[in-house]
PDB file of N, CA and C in Angstrom:
ATOM      1  N   MET A   1      -1.377 -21.764  13.540  1.00  0.00           N
ATOM      2  CA  MET A   1      -2.176 -20.688  13.013  1.00  0.00           C
ATOM      3  C   MET A   1      -3.481 -21.260  12.242  1.00  0.00           C
ATOM      4  N   ASN A   2      -4.743 -20.790  12.792  1.00  0.00           N
ATOM      5  CA  ASN A   2      -5.956 -21.285  12.425  1.00  0.00           C
ATOM      6  C   ASN A   2      -6.253 -20.725  10.974  1.00  0.00           C
ATOM      7  N   ASN A   3      -7.296 -21.205  10.345  1.00  0.00           N
ATOM      8  CA  ASN A   3      -7.535 -20.606   8.931  1.00  0.00           C
ATOM      9  C   ASN A   3      -7.893 -19.380   8.903  1.00  0.00           C
ATOM     10  N   GLU A   4      -8.759 -18.774  10.119  1.00  0.00           N
ATOM     11  CA  GLU A   4      -9.253 -17.436   9.955  1.00  0.00           C
ATOM     12  C   GLU A   4      -8.159 -16.380  10.060  1.00  0.00           C
ATOM     13  N   GLN A   5      -7.048 -16.736  10.986  1.00  0.00           N
ATOM     14  CA  GLN A   5      -5.623 -16.155  10.948  1.00  0.00           C
ATOM     15  C   GLN A   5      -4.795 -15.967   9.608  1.00  0.00           C
ATOM     16  N   HIS A   6      -4.778 -17.238   9.118  1.00  0.00           N
ATOM     17  CA  HIS A   6      -4.061 -17.278   8.175  1.00  0.00           C
ATOM     18  C   HIS A   6      -4.660 -16.344   6.842  1.00  0.00           C
ATOM     19  N   GLN A   7      -6.191 -16.505   6.687  1.00  0.00           N
ATOM     20  CA  GLN A   7      -6.776 -15.785   5.716  1.00  0.00           C
ATOM     21  C   GLN A   7      -6.727 -14.249   5.837  1.00  0.00           C
ATOM     22  N   ALA A   8      -6.845 -13.815   7.190  1.00  0.00           N
ATOM     23  CA  ALA A   8      -6.666 -12.523   7.492  1.00  0.00           C
ATOM     24  C   ALA A   8      -5.484 -11.871   7.214  1.00  0.00           C
ATOM     25  N   ARG A   9      -4.281 -12.615   7.547  1.00  0.00           N
ATOM     26  CA  ARG A   9      -3.073 -12.312   7.075  1.00  0.00           C
ATOM     27  C   ARG A   9      -2.836 -12.200   5.614  1.00  0.00           C
ATOM     28  N   ILE A  10      -3.308 -13.145   4.969  1.00  0.00           N
ATOM     29  CA  ILE A  10      -3.139 -13.043   3.183  1.00  0.00           C
ATOM     30  C   ILE A  10      -4.204 -11.742   2.723  1.00  0.00           C
ATOM     31  N   ASP A  11      -5.215 -11.693   3.344  1.00  0.00           N
ATOM     32  CA  ASP A  11      -6.075 -10.441   2.860  1.00  0.00           C
ATOM     33  C   ASP A  11      -5.556  -9.086   3.040  1.00  0.00           C
ATOM     34  N   ALA A  12      -4.917  -9.121   4.508  1.00  0.00           N
ATOM     35  CA  ALA A  12      -4.131  -7.931   4.896  1.00  0.00           C
ATOM     36  C   ALA A  12      -3.025  -7.450   4.066  1.00  0.00           C
ATOM     37  N   GLU A  13      -1.865  -8.449   3.762  1.00  0.00           N
ATOM     38  CA  GLU A  13      -0.915  -8.333   2.848  1.00  0.00           C
ATOM     39  C   GLU A  13      -1.338  -8.037   1.562  1.00  0.00           C
ATOM     40  N   GLN A  14      -2.549  -8.786   1.009  1.00  0.00           N
ATOM     41  CA  GLN A  14      -2.799  -8.149  -0.660  1.00  0.00           C
ATOM     42  C   GLN A  14      -3.370  -6.877  -0.591  1.00  0.00           C
ATOM     43  N   ASP A  15      -4.126  -6.412   0.311  1.00  0.00           N
ATOM     44  CA  ASP A  15      -4.621  -4.987   0.446  1.00  0.00           C
ATOM     45  C   ASP A  15      -3.734  -3.973   0.783  1.00  0.00           C
ATOM     46  N   ALA A  16      -2.889  -4.283   1.844  1.00  0.00           N
ATOM     47  CA  ALA A  16      -1.666  -3.280   2.154  1.00  0.00           C
ATOM     48  C   ALA A  16      -0.706  -3.108   0.765  1.00  0.00           C
ATOM     49  N   GLU A  17      -0.543  -4.134  -0.195  1.00  0.00           N
ATOM     50  CA  GLU A  17       0.411  -4.043  -1.174  1.00  0.00           C
ATOM     51  C   GLU A  17      -0.406  -3.250  -2.383  1.00  0.00           C
ATOM     52  N   THR A  18      -1.701  -3.025  -2.207  1.00  0.00           N
ATOM     53  CA  THR A  18      -2.512  -2.568  -3.241  1.00  0.00           C
ATOM     54  C   THR A  18      -2.590  -0.973  -2.818  1.00  0.00           C
ATOM     55  N   ASP A  19      -2.739  -0.641  -1.312  1.00  0.00           N
ATOM     56  CA  ASP A  19      -3.165   0.474  -0.999  1.00  0.00           C
ATOM     57  C   ASP A  19      -2.048   1.446  -0.788  1.00  0.00           C
ATOM     58  N   ILE A  20      -1.075   1.019  -0.660  1.00  0.00           N
ATOM     59  CA  ILE A  20       0.163   1.899   0.090  1.00  0.00           C
ATOM     60  C   ILE A  20       0.970   2.489  -1.658  1.00  0.00           C
ATOM     61  N   SER A  21       0.931   3.619  -1.438  1.00  0.00           N
ATOM     62  CA  SER A  21       1.481   4.178  -2.988  1.00  0.00           C
ATOM     63  C   SER A  21       3.036   4.489  -2.838  1.00  0.00           C
ATOM     64  N   LYS A  22       3.676   3.335  -3.415  1.00  0.00           N
ATOM     65  CA  LYS A  22       4.950   3.063  -3.497  1.00  0.00           C
ATOM     66  C   LYS A  22       5.928   4.389  -4.123  1.00  0.00           C
ATOM     67  N   ILE A  23       5.421   5.251  -5.142  1.00  0.00           N
ATOM     68  CA  ILE A  23       5.736   6.480  -5.735  1.00  0.00           C
ATOM     69  C   ILE A  23       5.896   7.285  -4.477  1.00  0.00           C
ATOM     70  N   LEU A  24       5.010   7.374  -3.936  1.00  0.00           N
ATOM     71  CA  LEU A  24       4.719   8.351  -2.704  1.00  0.00           C
ATOM     72  C   LEU A  24       5.920   8.186  -1.775  1.00  0.00           C
ATOM     73  N   TRP A  25       6.412   6.817  -1.524  1.00  0.00           N
ATOM     74  CA  TRP A  25       7.243   6.710  -0.544  1.00  0.00           C
ATOM     75  C   TRP A  25       8.801   6.977  -1.036  1.00  0.00           C
ATOM     76  N   VAL A  26       8.916   6.745  -2.152  1.00  0.00           N
ATOM     77  CA  VAL A  26      10.202   7.048  -3.231  1.00  0.00           C
ATOM     78  C   VAL A  26      10.343   8.461  -2.907  1.00  0.00           C
ATOM     79  N   VAL A  27       9.509   9.242  -3.194  1.00  0.00           N
ATOM     80  CA  VAL A  27       9.844  10.838  -3.160  1.00  0.00           C
ATOM     81  C   VAL A  27       9.725  11.059  -1.776  1.00  0.00           C
ATOM     82  N   VAL A  28       9.031  10.620  -0.782  1.00  0.00           N
ATOM     83  CA  VAL A  28       9.511  11.005   0.779  1.00  0.00           C
ATOM     84  C   VAL A  28      10.887  10.730   0.810  1.00  0.00           C
ATOM     85  N   GLY A  29      11.499   9.273   0.615  1.00  0.00           N
ATOM     86  CA  GLY A  29      12.877   8.893   0.902  1.00  0.00           C
ATOM     87  C   GLY A  29      13.657   9.694   0.191  1.00  0.00           C
ATOM     88  N   PHE A  30      13.527  10.324  -1.002  1.00  0.00           N
ATOM     89  CA  PHE A  30      14.263  11.104  -1.892  1.00  0.00           C
ATOM     90  C   PHE A  30      14.591  12.431  -1.333  1.00  0.00           C
ATOM     91  N   PHE A  31      13.531  13.228  -1.059  1.00  0.00           N
ATOM     92  CA  PHE A  31      13.306  14.671  -0.868  1.00  0.00           C
ATOM     93  C   PHE A  31      13.877  14.565   0.937  1.00  0.00           C
ATOM     94  N   THR A  32      13.424  13.715   1.650  1.00  0.00           N
ATOM     95  CA  THR A  32      13.627  13.954   3.242  1.00  0.00           C
ATOM     96  C   THR A  32      14.643  13.308   3.660  1.00  0.00           C
ATOM     97  N   ASN A  33      15.254  12.458   3.035  1.00  0.00           N
ATOM     98  CA  ASN A  33      16.520  11.604   3.295  1.00  0.00           C
ATOM     99  C   ASN A  33      16.293  10.813   4.639  1.00  0.00           C
ATOM    100  N   ILE A  34      16.897  10.777   5.535  1.00  0.00           N
ATOM    101  CA  ILE A  34      17.046   9.904   6.704  1.00  0.00           C
ATOM    102  C   ILE A  34      15.804  10.385   7.633  1.00  0.00           C
ATOM    103  N   ILE A  35      15.049  11.323   7.528  1.00  0.00           N
ATOM    104  CA  ILE A  35      13.799  11.765   8.159  1.00  0.00           C
ATOM    105  C   ILE A  35      12.655  11.053   7.375  1.00  0.00           C
ATOM    106  N   GLY A  36      12.858  10.953   6.262  1.00  0.00           N
ATOM    107  CA  GLY A  36      11.868  10.169   5.625  1.00  0.00           C
ATOM    108  C   GLY A  36      11.618   8.575   5.832  1.00  0.00           C
ATOM    109  N   LEU A  37      13.067   7.943   5.724  1.00  0.00           N
ATOM    110  CA  LEU A  37      13.054   6.803   6.600  1.00  0.00           C
ATOM    111  C   LEU A  37      12.513   6.542   8.018  1.00  0.00           C
ATOM    112  N   LEU A  38      12.740   7.355   8.686  1.00  0.00           N
ATOM    113  CA  LEU A  38      11.954   7.500  10.052  1.00  0.00           C
ATOM    114  C   LEU A  38      10.573   7.738   9.944  1.00  0.00           C
ATOM    115  N   ILE A  39      10.016   8.672   9.295  1.00  0.00           N
ATOM    116  CA  ILE A  39       8.569   8.786   9.033  1.00  0.00           C
ATOM    117  C   ILE A  39       7.937   7.554   8.406  1.00  0.00           C
ATOM    118  N   ALA A  40       8.730   6.828   7.463  1.00  0.00           N
ATOM    119  CA  ALA A  40       8.214   5.276   6.908  1.00  0.00           C
ATOM    120  C   ALA A  40       7.981   4.517   8.194  1.00  0.00           C
ATOM    121  N   TYR A  41       8.942   4.625   8.865  1.00  0.00           N
ATOM    122  CA  TYR A  41       8.786   3.476  10.001  1.00  0.00           C
ATOM    123  C   TYR A  41       8.085   3.869  11.135  1.00  0.00           C
ATOM    124  N   ILE A  42       7.643   4.933  11.176  1.00  0.00           N
ATOM    125  CA  ILE A  42       6.631   5.308  12.589  1.00  0.00           C
ATOM    126  C   ILE A  42       5.388   5.378  11.940  1.00  0.00           C
ATOM    127  N   TYR A  43       5.073   6.169  10.717  1.00  0.00           N
ATOM    128  CA  TYR A  43       3.596   5.976  10.326  1.00  0.00           C
ATOM    129  C   TYR A  43       2.922   4.899  10.087  1.00  0.00           C
ATOM    130  N   GLN A  44       1.898   4.763  10.415  1.00  0.00           N
ATOM    131  CA  GLN A  44       1.101   3.438  10.116  1.00  0.00           C
ATOM    132  C   GLN A  44      -0.151   3.802   9.661  1.00  0.00           C
ATOM    133  N   PRO A  45      -0.389   3.622   8.485  1.00  0.00           N
ATOM    134  CA  PRO A  45      -1.631   3.634   7.906  1.00  0.00           C
ATOM    135  C   PRO A  45      -2.718   2.689   8.368  1.00  0.00           C
ATOM    136  N   ASN A  46      -4.016   3.121   8.409  1.00  0.00           N
ATOM    137  CA  ASN A  46      -5.058   2.152   8.905  1.00  0.00           C
ATOM    138  C   ASN A  46      -5.631   1.523   7.781  1.00  0.00           C
ATOM    139  N   PRO A  47      -6.109   0.485   7.865  1.00  0.00           N
ATOM    140  CA  PRO A  47      -6.858  -0.324   6.903  1.00  0.00           C
ATOM    141  C   PRO A  47      -8.181   0.421   6.770  1.00  0.00           C
ATOM    142  N   PRO A  48      -8.910   0.426   5.753  1.00  0.00           N
ATOM    143  CA  PRO A  48     -10.408   0.939   5.731  1.00  0.00           C
ATOM    144  C   PRO A  48     -11.385   0.423   6.444  1.00  0.00           C
ATOM    145  N   ALA A  49     -12.153   0.660   7.262  1.00  0.00           N
ATOM    146  CA  ALA A  49     -12.976   0.113   8.342  1.00  0.00           C
ATOM    147  C   ALA A  49     -14.153  -0.548   7.658  1.00  0.00           C
ATOM    148  N   THR A  50     -14.322  -0.429   6.256  1.00  0.00           N
ATOM    149  CA  THR A  50     -15.210  -0.929   5.470  1.00  0.00           C
ATOM    150  C   THR A  50     -14.886  -2.506   5.138  1.00  0.00           C
ATOM    151  N   ARG A  51     -13.620  -2.652   5.113  1.00  0.00           N
ATOM    152  CA  ARG A  51     -13.175  -4.008   4.874  1.00  0.00           C
ATOM    153  C   ARG A  51     -13.150  -5.053   6.169  1.00  0.00           C
ATOM    154  N   LEU A  52     -13.333  -4.303   7.305  1.00  0.00           N
ATOM    155  CA  LEU A  52     -13.620  -5.277   8.751  1.00  0.00           C
ATOM    156  C   LEU A  52     -14.958  -5.075   8.893  1.00  0.00           C
ATOM    157  N   PHE A  53     -15.790  -4.783   8.343  1.00  0.00           N
ATOM    158  CA  PHE A  53     -17.106  -4.842   8.409  1.00  0.00           C
ATOM    159  C   PHE A  53     -17.879  -6.101   8.519  1.00  0.00           C
ATOM    160  N   GLU A  54     -18.515  -6.578   9.855  1.00  0.00           N
ATOM    161  CA  GLU A  54     -18.881  -7.907   9.883  1.00  0.00           C
ATOM    162  C   GLU A  54     -18.033  -8.918   9.933  1.00  0.00           C
ATOM    163  N   LYS A  55     -16.704  -8.409  10.207  1.00  0.00           N
ATOM    164  CA  LYS A  55     -15.741  -9.575  10.542  1.00  0.00           C
ATOM    165  C   LYS A  55     -15.553  -9.933  12.212  1.00  0.00           C
ATOM    166  N   SER A  56     -15.256 -10.962  12.426  1.00  0.00           N
ATOM    167  CA  SER A  56     -15.226 -11.424  13.699  1.00  0.00           C
ATOM    168  C   SER A  56     -13.832 -10.495  14.326  1.00  0.00           C
ATOM    169  N   HIS A  57     -13.800 -10.506  15.767  1.00  0.00           N
ATOM    170  CA  HIS A  57     -12.787  -9.768  16.429  1.00  0.00           C
ATOM    171  C   HIS A  57     -11.691 -10.399  16.074  1.00  0.00           C
ATOM    172  N   GLU A  58     -11.595 -11.628  16.217  1.00  0.00           N
ATOM    173  CA  GLU A  58     -10.032 -12.235  15.552  1.00  0.00           C
ATOM    174  C   GLU A  58      -9.596 -11.971  14.506  1.00  0.00           C
ATOM    175  N   TYR A  59     -10.696 -12.217  13.529  1.00  0.00           N
ATOM    176  CA  TYR A  59     -10.197 -11.573  12.035  1.00  0.00           C
ATOM    177  C   TYR A  59      -9.542 -10.439  12.103  1.00  0.00           C
ATOM    178  N   THR A  60     -10.200  -9.412  12.663  1.00  0.00           N
ATOM    179  CA  THR A  60     -10.016  -8.012  12.585  1.00  0.00           C
ATOM    180  C   THR A  60      -8.433  -7.714  13.258  1.00  0.00           C
ATOM    181  N   MET A  61      -8.511  -8.427  14.334  1.00  0.00           N
ATOM    182  CA  MET A  61      -7.095  -8.092  15.205  1.00  0.00           C
ATOM    183  C   MET A  61      -5.922  -8.366  14.152  1.00  0.00           C
ATOM    184  N   PHE A  62      -6.207  -9.901  13.786  1.00  0.00           N
ATOM    185  CA  PHE A  62      -4.995 -10.106  12.807  1.00  0.00           C
ATOM    186  C   PHE A  62      -4.780  -9.594  11.637  1.00  0.00           C
ATOM    187  N   TYR A  63      -5.819  -9.088  10.902  1.00  0.00           N
ATOM    188  CA  TYR A  63      -5.869  -8.297  10.019  1.00  0.00           C
ATOM    189  C   TYR A  63      -5.152  -6.966  10.080  1.00  0.00           C
ATOM    190  N   THR A  64      -5.562  -6.349  11.015  1.00  0.00           N
ATOM    191  CA  THR A  64      -4.900  -4.879  11.475  1.00  0.00           C
ATOM    192  C   THR A  64      -3.272  -4.984  11.522  1.00  0.00           C
ATOM    193  N   GLU A  65      -3.244  -6.185  12.473  1.00  0.00           N
ATOM    194  CA  GLU A  65      -1.601  -6.134  12.765  1.00  0.00           C
ATOM    195  C   GLU A  65      -0.925  -6.594  11.418  1.00  0.00           C
ATOM    196  N   ALA A  66      -1.289  -7.630  10.506  1.00  0.00           N
ATOM    197  CA  ALA A  66      -0.599  -7.922   9.449  1.00  0.00           C
ATOM    198  C   ALA A  66      -0.561  -6.683   8.513  1.00  0.00           C
ATOM    199  N   TYR A  67      -1.741  -6.049   8.403  1.00  0.00           N
ATOM    200  CA  TYR A  67      -1.526  -4.788   7.596  1.00  0.00           C
ATOM    201  C   TYR A  67      -0.775  -3.876   7.917  1.00  0.00           C
ATOM    202  N   HIS A  68      -0.504  -3.501   9.299  1.00  0.00           N
ATOM    203  CA  HIS A  68       0.352  -2.543   9.685  1.00  0.00           C
ATOM    204  C   HIS A  68       1.751  -3.020   9.414  1.00  0.00           C
ATOM    205  N   ALA A  69       1.923  -4.438   9.579  1.00  0.00           N
ATOM    206  CA  ALA A  69       3.428  -5.005   9.284  1.00  0.00           C
ATOM    207  C   ALA A  69       3.986  -4.908   7.679  1.00  0.00           C
ATOM    208  N   LYS A  70       2.786  -5.159   7.118  1.00  0.00           N
ATOM    209  CA  LYS A  70       3.228  -5.175   5.641  1.00  0.00           C
ATOM    210  C   LYS A  70       3.243  -3.692   4.987  1.00  0.00           C
ATOM    211  N   ALA A  71       2.509  -2.719   5.425  1.00  0.00           N
ATOM    212  CA  ALA A  71       2.787  -1.506   5.198  1.00  0.00           C
ATOM    213  C   ALA A  71       3.952  -0.746   5.738  1.00  0.00           C
ATOM    214  N   ARG A  72       4.275  -0.981   6.616  1.00  0.00           N
ATOM    215  CA  ARG A  72       5.553  -0.642   7.204  1.00  0.00           C
ATOM    216  C   ARG A  72       6.736  -1.151   6.469  1.00  0.00           C
ATOM    217  N   SER A  73       6.725  -2.383   6.084  1.00  0.00           N
ATOM    218  CA  SER A  73       7.752  -2.936   5.113  1.00  0.00           C
ATOM    219  C   SER A  73       7.907  -2.221   3.679  1.00  0.00           C
ATOM    220  N   ILE A  74       6.767  -2.079   3.081  1.00  0.00           N
ATOM    221  CA  ILE A  74       6.354  -1.437   1.922  1.00  0.00           C
ATOM    222  C   ILE A  74       7.129   0.119   2.005  1.00  0.00           C
ATOM    223  N   GLN A  75       6.699   0.817   3.128  1.00  0.00           N
ATOM    224  CA  GLN A  75       6.859   2.148   3.228  1.00  0.00           C
ATOM    225  C   GLN A  75       8.366   1.942   3.471  1.00  0.00           C
ATOM    226  N   LEU A  76       9.099   1.532   3.985  1.00  0.00           N
ATOM    227  CA  LEU A  76      10.706   1.251   4.379  1.00  0.00           C
ATOM    228  C   LEU A  76      11.456   0.989   3.333  1.00  0.00           C
ATOM    229  N   THR A  77      10.842   0.106   2.532  1.00  0.00           N
ATOM    230  CA  THR A  77      11.587  -0.304   1.318  1.00  0.00           C
ATOM    231  C   THR A  77      11.578   0.637   0.101  1.00  0.00           C
ATOM    232  N   TYR A  78      10.478   1.321   0.033  1.00  0.00           N
ATOM    233  CA  TYR A  78      10.338   2.607  -1.038  1.00  0.00           C
ATOM    234  C   TYR A  78      11.115   3.879  -0.700  1.00  0.00           C
ATOM    235  N   ALA A  79      10.788   4.021   0.683  1.00  0.00           N
ATOM    236  CA  ALA A  79      11.531   5.378   0.883  1.00  0.00           C
ATOM    237  C   ALA A  79      13.206   5.162   1.093  1.00  0.00           C
ATOM    238  N   ALA A  80      13.566   3.759   1.448  1.00  0.00           N
ATOM    239  CA  ALA A  80      14.962   3.592   1.347  1.00  0.00           C
ATOM    240  C   ALA A  80      15.280   3.762  -0.225  1.00  0.00           C
ATOM    241  N   ILE A  81      14.696   3.395  -1.278  1.00  0.00           N
ATOM    242  CA  ILE A  81      15.275   3.462  -2.643  1.00  0.00           C
ATOM    243  C   ILE A  81      15.223   4.842  -2.926  1.00  0.00           C
ATOM    244  N   GLY A  82      14.216   5.683  -2.530  1.00  0.00           N
ATOM    245  CA  GLY A  82      14.164   7.157  -2.859  1.00  0.00           C
ATOM    246  C   GLY A  82      15.619   7.640  -2.216  1.00  0.00           C
ATOM    247  N   PHE A  83      15.959   7.150  -0.770  1.00  0.00           N
ATOM    248  CA  PHE A  83      16.882   7.884  -0.200  1.00  0.00           C
ATOM    249  C   PHE A  83      18.201   7.592  -1.135  1.00  0.00           C
ATOM    250  N   ALA A  84      18.389   6.245  -1.576  1.00  0.00           N
ATOM    251  CA  ALA A  84      19.307   5.780  -2.342  1.00  0.00           C
ATOM    252  C   ALA A  84      19.593   6.742  -3.485  1.00  0.00           C
ATOM    253  N   ILE A  85      18.769   6.830  -4.369  1.00  0.00           N
ATOM    254  CA  ILE A  85      18.585   7.575  -5.148  1.00  0.00           C
ATOM    255  C   ILE A  85      18.990   9.017  -5.007  1.00  0.00           C
ATOM    256  N   GLY A  86      18.651   9.537  -4.217  1.00  0.00           N
ATOM    257  CA  GLY A  86      18.823  10.873  -3.781  1.00  0.00           C
ATOM    258  C   GLY A  86      20.230  11.110  -3.161  1.00  0.00           C
ATOM    259  N   ALA A  87      20.699  10.065  -2.395  1.00  0.00           N
ATOM    260  CA  ALA A  87      22.466  10.061  -2.097  1.00  0.00           C
ATOM    261  C   ALA A  87      23.167   9.764  -3.154  1.00  0.00           C
ATOM    262  N   GLY A  88      22.640   8.863  -4.101  1.00  0.00           N
ATOM    263  CA  GLY A  88      23.466   8.593  -5.151  1.00  0.00           C
ATOM    264  C   GLY A  88      23.638   9.994  -6.136  1.00  0.00           C
ATOM    265  N   ILE A  89      22.664  10.717  -6.327  1.00  0.00           N
ATOM    266  CA  ILE A  89      22.771  12.068  -7.285  1.00  0.00           C
ATOM    267  C   ILE A  89      23.569  12.920  -6.429  1.00  0.00           C
ATOM    268  N   GLY A  90      23.504  13.104  -4.975  1.00  0.00           N
ATOM    269  CA  GLY A  90      24.338  13.779  -4.126  1.00  0.00           C
ATOM    270  C   GLY A  90      25.797  13.699  -4.252  1.00  0.00           C
ATOM    271  N   ILE A  91      26.103  12.379  -4.557  1.00  0.00           N
ATOM    272  CA  ILE A  91      27.302  12.056  -4.484  1.00  0.00           C
ATOM    273  C   ILE A  91      28.205  12.376  -5.751  1.00  0.00           C
ATOM    274  N   LEU A  92      27.229  12.228  -6.938  1.00  0.00           N
ATOM    275  CA  LEU A  92      27.493  12.317  -8.385  1.00  0.00           C
ATOM    276  C   LEU A  92      27.538  14.108  -8.328  1.00  0.00           C
ATOM    277  N   PHE A  93      26.800  14.845  -7.742  1.00  0.00           N
ATOM    278  CA  PHE A  93      27.018  16.144  -8.113  1.00  0.00           C
ATOM    279  C   PHE A  93      28.221  16.760  -7.261  1.00  0.00           C
ATOM    280  N   PHE A  94      28.659  15.945  -5.965  1.00  0.00           N
ATOM    281  CA  PHE A  94      29.868  16.608  -5.224  1.00  0.00           C
ATOM    282  C   PHE A  94      31.185  16.023  -6.174  1.00  0.00           C
ATOM    283  N   ILE A  95      30.855  14.749  -6.602  1.00  0.00           N
ATOM    284  CA  ILE A  95      32.480  14.491  -7.537  1.00  0.00           C
ATOM    285  C   ILE A  95      32.577  15.524  -8.571  1.00  0.00           C
ATOM    286  N   THR A  96      31.201  15.628  -9.187  1.00  0.00           N
ATOM    287  CA  THR A  96      31.219  16.525 -10.495  1.00  0.00           C
ATOM    288  C   THR A  96      31.673  17.973 -10.216  1.00  0.00           C
ATOM    289  N   SER A  97      31.136  18.307  -9.067  1.00  0.00           N
ATOM    290  CA  SER A  97      31.614  19.875  -8.634  1.00  0.00           C
ATOM    291  C   SER A  97      32.941  19.945  -8.219  1.00  0.00           C
ATOM    292  N   MET A  98      33.724  19.012  -7.252  1.00  0.00           N
ATOM    293  CA  MET A  98      35.100  18.556  -7.240  1.00  0.00           C
ATOM    294  C   MET A  98      35.957  19.040  -8.319  1.00  0.00           C
ATOM    295  N   ALA A  99      35.440  17.876  -9.346  1.00  0.00           N
ATOM    296  CA  ALA A  99      36.278  17.773 -10.839  1.00  0.00           C
ATOM    297  C   ALA A  99      36.498  18.982 -11.610  1.00  0.00           C
ATOM    298  N   MET A 100      35.060  19.858 -11.199  1.00  0.00           N
ATOM    299  CA  MET A 100      35.308  21.065 -12.088  1.00  0.00           C
ATOM    300  C   MET A 100      35.826  21.959 -11.633  1.00  0.00           C
ATOM    301  N   ILE A 101      36.003  22.234 -10.201  1.00  0.00           N
ATOM    302  CA  ILE A 101      36.879  22.901  -9.293  1.00  0.00           C
ATOM    303  C   ILE A 101      38.195  22.820  -9.352  1.00  0.00           C
ATOM    304  N   GLY A 102      38.707  21.417  -9.753  1.00  0.00           N
ATOM    305  CA  GLY A 102      39.915  20.975  -9.585  1.00  0.00           C
ATOM    306  C   GLY A 102      40.460  21.458 -11.137  1.00  0.00           C
ATOM    307  N   SER A 103      39.610  21.397 -12.150  1.00  0.00           N
ATOM    308  CA  SER A 103      39.880  21.911 -13.497  1.00  0.00           C
ATOM    309  C   SER A 103      40.174  23.175 -13.694  1.00  0.00           C
ATOM    310  N   ILE A 104      39.265  23.892 -13.137  1.00  0.00           N
ATOM    311  CA  ILE A 104      39.377  25.541 -13.117  1.00  0.00           C
ATOM    312  C   ILE A 104      40.340  25.805 -12.389  1.00  0.00           C
ATOM    313  N   SER A 105      40.841  25.489 -11.332  1.00  0.00           N
ATOM    314  CA  SER A 105      42.264  25.751 -10.636  1.00  0.00           C
ATOM    315  C   SER A 105      43.488  25.345 -11.140  1.00  0.00           C
ATOM    316  N   LYS A 106      43.520  24.474 -12.101  1.00  0.00           N
ATOM    317  CA  LYS A 106      44.571  24.312 -12.846  1.00  0.00           C
ATOM    318  C   LYS A 106      44.724  24.788 -14.235  1.00  0.00           C
ATOM    319  N   MET A 107      43.756  25.852 -14.359  1.00  0.00           N
ATOM    320  CA  MET A 107      43.866  26.624 -15.740  1.00  0.00           C
ATOM    321  C   MET A 107      44.827  27.880 -15.678  1.00  0.00           C
ATOM    322  N   PRO A 108      45.625  28.164 -16.517  1.00  0.00           N
ATOM    323  CA  PRO A 108      46.602  28.917 -16.595  1.00  0.00           C
ATOM    324  C   PRO A 108      45.946  30.410 -17.041  1.00  0.00           C
ATOM    325  N   TYR A 109      46.250  31.337 -16.265  1.00  0.00           N
ATOM    326  CA  TYR A 109      45.583  32.723 -16.471  1.00  0.00           C
ATOM    327  C   TYR A 109      46.555  33.591 -17.330  1.00  0.00           C
TER     328      TYR A 109
END
């Protein structure tokens, strides 16, 4: 890997880290469950064109590839966190509901 490729990868990963809204992907994972994870995997945001202005074709190619990879990684990670939070709340709600139903059915009339 030459210096230009290495610099493109570093720049792209730093930019994706700041560009991708982590809170948004937690919310997507929380409310859309498995579909949210699929969306996070499929959707690929493009870097702003202004960042690639007057850059070489090689730099642009490596930057875009690294940006997509890092963005997908961030999106999947935070959508999975949202999914896990939602699933945990759902399981707690189910357990609580079953406990309440069980205690109501054991009440003498």
